[in-house]
Amino acid sequence: MARNYIPLDQIISDFIITIDNDDYVANASDHMVRTLALRGIRELGFDMQKRIRSLKLSVNRANNTCELPDDYVDWTKIGVVSDEGIVYVLGENKNLNMSQRYVLDDLGNNLDSNNDGVYDRVDSKGATNSGSPNADEQIQDGFESYIFRNFVYENTYGGLYGAGGGHYYGEFRINEDQNRIELSTTRDISEIVVEYVCDEALSQNPSVNVYAEEALRSYIYYKMIERKSSVPANEKGRARQEYYNERRKANARIKSFGKEEALKTIRKNFKQSPKF
């Protein structure tokens, strides 16, 4: 483990050791402390110290999908890797079809094989209409589609002059209902790379950045007394204020913006041009 991260077990042990007999949390169980600590990792992690992981996933050729990682929260980049180690991203297309249909029994009724009150479903990504337009309609529809679908597909469809556009290695859509990634590409892809925000609380040995250690301690204490009727209101207010102060300091330390970063940002778009 990196030295700038502290294991959660160590933080929990230190918190329990520092509890005195006259504290408001003197009778807290180890299980309660650990549960609140995991909740605190999620609370702090999603806002100020997102843990980005990169994982290669195999593509299911049967339905052109990939299973989402088991600790997936949100994606940051999805693509394929070239021989040079460069990730060629796939563009998100929220109009990709990911529909299903009910499974019918021999009598044509919806089938519920598990008797759980939910009808069985299977993938059904085909077209909903069976008719085919004539040649004139195909030309007209194709021209209108080329112009207007560019906006439907969030300016990533085609490259018509003046209408914007973009070039991607393929397209994808996150299907959270079935916990998978829907893919659409003309290339033969057997594996993709997903960079995503992970849930650190699901790790076997969760860890916390040293900058956020004190903020996590304050979170545990604040949540332990928040709903206790025996704790005075002023103590609850003090604990809440202390937690948000520690959180603010941790956020400022983790996301520090110094002189070097400012100069780099200013000079980023500065380019010299030949003088005549």
Protein backbone atom coordinates (compact mmCIF):
# COMPACT_ATOMS: atom_id res chain seq x y z
CA MET A 1 0.00 0.00 0.00
CA ALA A 2 1.19 3.52 -0.80
CA ARG A 3 2.61 5.43 2.16
CA ASN A 4 0.27 8.35 1.63
CA TYR A 5 -2.68 6.07 2.42
CA ILE A 6 -3.63 4.66 5.83
CA PRO A 7 -5.48 1.34 6.21
CA LEU A 8 -8.99 1.64 7.58
CA ASP A 9 -8.30 -0.96 10.28
CA GLN A 10 -5.58 1.28 11.71
CA ILE A 11 -7.91 4.28 11.86
CA ILE A 12 -10.61 2.21 13.57
CA SER A 13 -8.14 0.85 16.13
CA ASP A 14 -6.80 4.33 16.90
CA PHE A 15 -10.34 5.69 17.28
CA ILE A 16 -11.36 2.95 19.72
CA ILE A 17 -8.17 3.34 21.78
CA THR A 18 -8.77 7.07 22.28
CA ILE A 19 -12.32 6.56 23.66
CA ASP A 20 -12.55 7.34 27.40
CA ASN A 21 -15.06 5.94 29.85
CA ASP A 22 -16.89 9.27 30.15
CA ASP A 23 -17.17 9.88 26.40
CA TYR A 24 -20.56 9.98 24.69
CA VAL A 25 -19.43 7.05 22.50
CA ALA A 26 -17.95 4.97 25.31
CA ASN A 27 -20.30 2.03 24.69
CA ALA A 28 -19.86 1.93 20.92
CA SER A 29 -19.25 -1.50 19.43
CA ASP A 30 -16.44 -2.27 17.02
CA HIS A 31 -19.00 -3.24 14.38
CA MET A 32 -20.72 0.15 14.61
CA VAL A 33 -17.43 2.02 14.34
CA ARG A 34 -16.44 0.03 11.25
CA THR A 35 -19.84 0.50 9.61
CA LEU A 36 -19.69 4.28 10.07
CA ALA A 37 -16.07 4.33 8.89
CA LEU A 38 -17.05 2.62 5.62
CA ARG A 39 -19.86 5.11 5.16
CA GLY A 40 -17.37 7.91 5.79
CA ILE A 41 -15.03 6.55 3.12
CA ARG A 42 -17.86 6.72 0.61
CA GLU A 43 -18.86 10.20 1.76
CA LEU A 44 -15.34 11.59 1.51
CA GLY A 45 -14.24 9.55 -1.48
CA PHE A 46 -16.98 10.52 -3.91
CA ASP A 47 -16.54 14.24 -3.20
CA MET A 48 -12.83 14.88 -2.76
CA GLN A 49 -10.66 11.80 -3.30
CA LYS A 50 -12.16 9.73 -6.08
CA ARG A 51 -10.24 6.51 -6.65
CA ILE A 52 -9.93 5.93 -10.39
CA ARG A 53 -9.29 2.37 -11.51
CA SER A 54 -8.57 1.01 -14.97
CA LEU A 55 -9.75 -2.48 -15.87
CA LYS A 56 -9.72 -4.54 -19.05
CA LEU A 57 -13.00 -6.33 -19.76
CA SER A 58 -13.77 -9.06 -22.29
CA VAL A 59 -16.53 -8.38 -24.80
CA ASN A 60 -19.39 -10.85 -25.05
CA ARG A 61 -19.57 -11.41 -28.81
CA ALA A 62 -23.08 -12.89 -28.60
CA ASN A 63 -24.75 -9.59 -27.62
CA ASN A 64 -21.81 -7.15 -27.91
CA THR A 65 -21.78 -6.21 -24.22
CA CYS A 66 -19.41 -6.13 -21.23
CA GLU A 67 -20.16 -6.70 -17.56
CA LEU A 68 -19.57 -3.67 -15.35
CA PRO A 69 -16.87 -4.03 -12.65
CA ASP A 70 -18.09 -5.25 -9.27
CA ASP A 71 -17.01 -2.02 -7.52
CA TYR A 72 -18.24 0.31 -10.30
CA VAL A 73 -19.77 3.68 -9.38
CA ASP A 74 -19.36 5.89 -12.44
CA TRP A 75 -17.27 5.83 -15.61
CA THR A 76 -14.62 8.35 -16.67
CA LYS A 77 -13.29 6.77 -19.87
CA ILE A 78 -14.13 3.74 -22.03
CA GLY A 79 -12.06 2.71 -25.02
CA VAL A 80 -9.55 0.34 -26.60
CA VAL A 81 -5.75 0.32 -26.27
CA SER A 82 -3.43 0.42 -29.26
CA ASP A 83 -0.01 -1.20 -29.55
CA GLU A 84 1.53 2.15 -28.54
CA GLY A 85 -0.39 2.15 -25.24
CA ILE A 86 -2.79 4.93 -26.25
CA VAL A 87 -6.46 4.66 -25.28
CA TYR A 88 -8.80 5.35 -28.19
CA VAL A 89 -12.05 6.34 -26.53
CA LEU A 90 -15.55 5.24 -27.42
CA GLY A 91 -18.23 7.91 -27.63
CA GLU A 92 -21.29 7.70 -25.39
CA ASN A 93 -24.50 7.31 -27.37
CA LYS A 94 -27.60 7.40 -25.17
CA ASN A 95 -29.78 6.36 -28.13
CA LEU A 96 -28.34 2.87 -28.47
CA ASN A 97 -31.12 0.34 -28.12
CA MET A 98 -30.90 -1.91 -25.06
CA SER A 99 -34.51 -3.11 -24.99
CA GLN A 100 -35.80 -6.51 -23.88
CA ARG A 101 -39.02 -8.42 -24.47
CA TYR A 102 -41.12 -10.81 -22.43
CA VAL A 103 -40.68 -14.56 -22.83
CA LEU A 104 -43.92 -16.28 -23.87
CA ASP A 105 -45.06 -19.77 -22.95
CA ASP A 106 -46.75 -22.26 -25.29
CA LEU A 107 -50.08 -20.49 -24.88
CA GLY A 108 -48.66 -17.07 -25.72
CA ASN A 109 -48.77 -15.77 -22.15
CA ASN A 110 -45.91 -14.06 -20.33
CA LEU A 111 -43.69 -16.62 -18.63
CA ASP A 112 -42.67 -16.44 -14.97
CA SER A 113 -40.38 -19.44 -14.56
CA ASN A 114 -39.25 -18.51 -11.02
CA ASN A 115 -42.74 -17.68 -9.72
CA ASP A 116 -41.34 -14.47 -8.21
CA GLY A 117 -43.96 -12.16 -9.72
CA VAL A 118 -41.56 -10.86 -12.39
CA TYR A 119 -41.94 -12.04 -15.97
CA ASP A 120 -38.90 -13.48 -17.75
CA ARG A 121 -37.14 -11.22 -20.22
CA VAL A 122 -34.58 -11.67 -23.01
CA ASP A 123 -32.61 -9.21 -25.12
CA SER A 124 -34.47 -7.84 -28.11
CA LYS A 125 -32.38 -5.28 -29.96
CA GLY A 126 -34.01 -5.65 -33.36
CA ALA A 127 -36.09 -3.06 -35.17
CA THR A 128 -39.69 -2.41 -34.10
CA ASN A 129 -41.04 -1.94 -37.64
CA SER A 130 -41.05 -4.61 -40.34
CA GLY A 131 -41.77 -2.48 -43.40
CA SER A 132 -39.06 -1.13 -45.71
CA PRO A 133 -39.29 2.29 -47.42
CA ASN A 134 -38.97 2.70 -51.17
CA ALA A 135 -35.89 4.15 -52.85
CA ASP A 136 -37.06 7.79 -52.75
CA GLU A 137 -37.93 7.54 -49.06
CA GLN A 138 -34.55 5.97 -48.32
CA ILE A 139 -32.69 8.82 -50.02
CA GLN A 140 -34.78 11.50 -48.33
CA ASP A 141 -34.64 9.84 -44.91
CA GLY A 142 -30.91 9.30 -45.27
CA PHE A 143 -30.29 12.95 -46.10
CA GLU A 144 -32.43 14.21 -43.21
CA SER A 145 -30.86 11.67 -40.89
CA TYR A 146 -27.37 12.81 -41.85
CA ILE A 147 -28.25 16.39 -40.96
CA PHE A 148 -30.43 16.05 -37.91
CA ARG A 149 -29.10 12.95 -36.20
CA ASN A 150 -25.92 14.87 -35.58
CA PHE A 151 -27.77 16.77 -32.88
CA VAL A 152 -29.59 13.67 -31.61
CA TYR A 153 -26.24 11.97 -31.13
CA GLU A 154 -24.81 14.97 -29.25
CA ASN A 155 -22.70 16.26 -32.17
CA THR A 156 -20.78 12.97 -32.53
CA TYR A 157 -22.52 11.65 -35.67
CA GLY A 158 -20.99 12.25 -39.06
CA GLY A 159 -18.94 15.21 -40.20
CA LEU A 160 -21.27 17.41 -42.24
CA TYR A 161 -19.69 20.83 -42.69
CA GLY A 162 -21.17 23.40 -40.34
CA ALA A 163 -23.09 20.85 -38.27
CA GLY A 164 -20.24 19.70 -36.04
CA GLY A 165 -19.20 16.13 -35.56
CA GLY A 166 -16.56 13.88 -34.11
CA HIS A 167 -14.64 10.69 -34.67
CA TYR A 168 -14.71 7.83 -32.21
CA TYR A 169 -13.51 4.26 -32.36
CA GLY A 170 -17.07 3.17 -31.59
CA GLU A 171 -19.99 3.94 -29.32
CA PHE A 172 -21.28 2.69 -25.99
CA ARG A 173 -24.11 3.09 -23.53
CA ILE A 174 -24.20 2.23 -19.83
CA ASN A 175 -27.02 -0.23 -19.09
CA GLU A 176 -27.39 -0.03 -15.32
CA ASP A 177 -30.56 -2.12 -15.34
CA GLN A 178 -28.61 -5.18 -16.53
CA ASN A 179 -25.27 -4.03 -15.09
CA ARG A 180 -23.38 -3.99 -18.36
CA ILE A 181 -21.98 -1.83 -21.16
CA GLU A 182 -23.72 -1.87 -24.54
CA LEU A 183 -21.30 -1.53 -27.45
CA SER A 184 -21.75 -0.50 -31.06
CA THR A 185 -18.79 -0.54 -33.44
CA THR A 186 -17.91 -1.68 -36.93
CA ARG A 187 -14.55 -3.02 -35.74
CA ASP A 188 -13.80 -6.41 -34.27
CA ILE A 189 -13.28 -5.64 -30.58
CA SER A 190 -12.64 -8.47 -28.14
CA GLU A 191 -11.57 -6.37 -25.15
CA ILE A 192 -12.11 -2.85 -23.86
CA VAL A 193 -10.58 -0.73 -21.12
CA VAL A 194 -12.83 0.96 -18.55
CA GLU A 195 -11.55 3.75 -16.32
CA TYR A 196 -14.08 4.27 -13.57
CA VAL A 197 -14.72 5.68 -10.11
CA CYS A 198 -14.63 2.75 -7.71
CA ASP A 199 -16.30 2.22 -4.35
CA GLU A 200 -13.33 2.04 -2.00
CA ALA A 201 -15.56 0.71 0.78
CA LEU A 202 -15.92 -2.56 -1.16
CA SER A 203 -12.17 -3.20 -1.17
CA GLN A 204 -10.74 -6.03 0.92
CA ASN A 205 -8.52 -3.57 2.77
CA PRO A 206 -9.91 -0.03 2.35
CA SER A 207 -7.53 2.87 2.83
CA VAL A 208 -7.76 6.62 3.33
CA ASN A 209 -5.52 9.44 2.20
CA VAL A 210 -3.51 10.85 5.09
CA TYR A 211 -4.99 14.28 4.37
CA ALA A 212 -8.50 12.91 5.04
CA GLU A 213 -7.65 10.84 8.13
CA GLU A 214 -8.80 13.41 10.68
CA ALA A 215 -11.91 14.19 8.66
CA LEU A 216 -12.88 10.51 8.80
CA ARG A 217 -12.38 10.40 12.56
CA SER A 218 -14.60 13.45 12.96
CA TYR A 219 -17.22 11.87 10.70
CA ILE A 220 -17.34 8.68 12.78
CA TYR A 221 -17.78 10.60 16.04
CA TYR A 222 -20.38 12.98 14.60
CA LYS A 223 -22.53 10.19 13.15
CA MET A 224 -22.31 8.14 16.36
CA ILE A 225 -23.85 10.91 18.50
CA GLU A 226 -26.08 12.49 15.85
CA ARG A 227 -29.22 10.55 16.83
CA LYS A 228 -28.53 9.95 20.51
CA SER A 229 -31.14 11.65 22.71
CA SER A 230 -28.75 11.60 25.67
CA VAL A 231 -26.21 13.83 23.91
CA PRO A 232 -26.75 17.61 24.32
CA ALA A 233 -27.59 19.62 21.22
CA ASN A 234 -24.52 21.87 21.61
CA GLU A 235 -22.23 18.81 21.53
CA LYS A 236 -23.90 17.59 18.37
CA GLY A 237 -23.46 21.02 16.81
CA ARG A 238 -19.82 21.15 17.84
CA ALA A 239 -19.16 17.68 16.38
CA ARG A 240 -20.89 18.64 13.13
CA GLN A 241 -18.90 21.86 12.81
CA GLU A 242 -15.65 20.04 13.55
CA TYR A 243 -16.38 17.44 10.87
CA TYR A 244 -17.09 20.02 8.18
CA ASN A 245 -14.00 22.03 9.16
CA GLU A 246 -11.80 18.93 8.88
CA ARG A 247 -13.46 18.04 5.61
CA ARG A 248 -12.82 21.53 4.25
CA LYS A 249 -9.14 21.36 5.25
CA ALA A 250 -8.74 17.89 3.73
CA ASN A 251 -10.33 19.03 0.49
CA ALA A 252 -8.03 22.06 0.32
CA ARG A 253 -4.94 19.89 0.90
CA ILE A 254 -5.89 17.21 -1.61
CA LYS A 255 -6.92 19.66 -4.33
CA SER A 256 -4.21 22.22 -3.73
CA PHE A 257 -3.59 24.63 -6.62
CA GLY A 258 -0.13 26.12 -6.37
CA LYS A 259 2.03 28.52 -8.30
CA GLU A 260 3.39 25.91 -10.69
CA GLU A 261 -0.10 24.72 -11.65
CA ALA A 262 -1.21 28.31 -12.26
CA LEU A 263 1.75 29.05 -14.53
CA LYS A 264 1.25 25.78 -16.39
CA THR A 265 -2.41 26.62 -16.99
CA ILE A 266 -1.61 30.14 -18.19
CA ARG A 267 1.09 28.96 -20.60
CA LYS A 268 -0.85 25.98 -21.89
CA ASN A 269 -2.46 27.77 -24.84
CA PHE A 270 0.40 30.17 -25.51
CA LYS A 271 1.97 29.52 -28.91
CA GLN A 272 4.45 31.52 -30.91
CA SER A 273 3.80 32.22 -34.57
CA PRO A 274 6.26 33.12 -37.35
CA LYS A 275 6.81 36.85 -37.81
CA PHE A 276 6.98 38.43 -41.26
